[in-house]
Amino acid sequence: VGTPPPRVLIVDDVTTTGATLSEVARVLREGGATHRYAVAMARED
């Protein structure tokens, strides 16, 4: 896929546990992204 840009916005439609956002952030960090921001449109309890 290549090297991610230094700043990345992660958008998820629904989050329940946050596991997907955490994993995406981890992979981006390992790839070199220094600033990772996340937003979810809805939270499922």
C-alpha atoms as a PDB file:
ATOM      1  CA  VAL A   1       0.000   0.000   0.000  1.00  0.00           C
ATOM      2  CA  GLY A   2       2.848   2.388   0.748  1.00  0.00           C
ATOM      3  CA  THR A   3       3.788   4.832   3.470  1.00  0.00           C
ATOM      4  CA  PRO A   4       0.881   6.738   5.038  1.00  0.00           C
ATOM      5  CA  PRO A   5       0.997  10.531   5.263  1.00  0.00           C
ATOM      6  CA  PRO A   6       2.124  11.946   8.628  1.00  0.00           C
ATOM      7  CA  ARG A   7      -1.421  13.069   9.560  1.00  0.00           C
ATOM      8  CA  VAL A   8      -4.336  10.676   9.096  1.00  0.00           C
ATOM      9  CA  LEU A   9      -8.043  10.972   9.897  1.00  0.00           C
ATOM     10  CA  ILE A  10      -9.695   7.595  10.533  1.00  0.00           C
ATOM     11  CA  VAL A  11     -13.470   7.591   9.970  1.00  0.00           C
ATOM     12  CA  ASP A  12     -15.651   4.706  11.167  1.00  0.00           C
ATOM     13  CA  ASP A  13     -19.399   4.507  10.667  1.00  0.00           C
ATOM     14  CA  VAL A  14     -20.200   2.719  13.948  1.00  0.00           C
ATOM     15  CA  THR A  15     -17.985   1.799  16.884  1.00  0.00           C
ATOM     16  CA  THR A  16     -18.849  -0.721  19.570  1.00  0.00           C
ATOM     17  CA  THR A  17     -15.612  -1.654  21.322  1.00  0.00           C
ATOM     18  CA  GLY A  18     -13.170   0.634  19.519  1.00  0.00           C
ATOM     19  CA  ALA A  19     -11.066  -2.374  18.500  1.00  0.00           C
ATOM     20  CA  THR A  20     -11.127  -1.539  14.788  1.00  0.00           C
ATOM     21  CA  LEU A  21     -10.090   2.075  15.372  1.00  0.00           C
ATOM     22  CA  SER A  22      -7.308   0.946  17.706  1.00  0.00           C
ATOM     23  CA  GLU A  23      -5.973  -1.588  15.212  1.00  0.00           C
ATOM     24  CA  VAL A  24      -6.053   0.871  12.322  1.00  0.00           C
ATOM     25  CA  ALA A  25      -4.252   3.465  14.470  1.00  0.00           C
ATOM     26  CA  ARG A  26      -1.625   0.877  15.451  1.00  0.00           C
ATOM     27  CA  VAL A  27      -0.941  -0.106  11.838  1.00  0.00           C
ATOM     28  CA  LEU A  28      -0.707   3.542  10.790  1.00  0.00           C
ATOM     29  CA  ARG A  29       1.683   4.298  13.668  1.00  0.00           C
ATOM     30  CA  GLU A  30       3.890   1.368  12.656  1.00  0.00           C
ATOM     31  CA  GLY A  31       3.796   2.665   9.079  1.00  0.00           C
ATOM     32  CA  GLY A  32       5.062   6.081  10.119  1.00  0.00           C
ATOM     33  CA  ALA A  33       1.949   8.209  10.659  1.00  0.00           C
ATOM     34  CA  THR A  34       2.824  10.555  13.516  1.00  0.00           C
ATOM     35  CA  HIS A  35      -0.635  12.059  14.083  1.00  0.00           C
ATOM     36  CA  ARG A  36      -3.706   9.829  14.033  1.00  0.00           C
ATOM     37  CA  TYR A  37      -7.193  11.215  14.625  1.00  0.00           C
ATOM     38  CA  ALA A  38     -10.346   9.111  14.791  1.00  0.00           C
ATOM     39  CA  VAL A  39     -14.037   9.879  14.550  1.00  0.00           C
ATOM     40  CA  ALA A  40     -17.047   7.567  14.652  1.00  0.00           C
ATOM     41  CA  MET A  41     -20.470   8.569  13.373  1.00  0.00           C
ATOM     42  CA  ALA A  42     -22.339   6.468  15.956  1.00  0.00           C
ATOM     43  CA  ARG A  43     -21.623   4.402  19.021  1.00  0.00           C
ATOM     44  CA  GLU A  44     -23.386   1.110  19.644  1.00  0.00           C
ATOM     45  CA  ASP A  45     -23.831   0.251  23.335  1.00  0.00           C
END
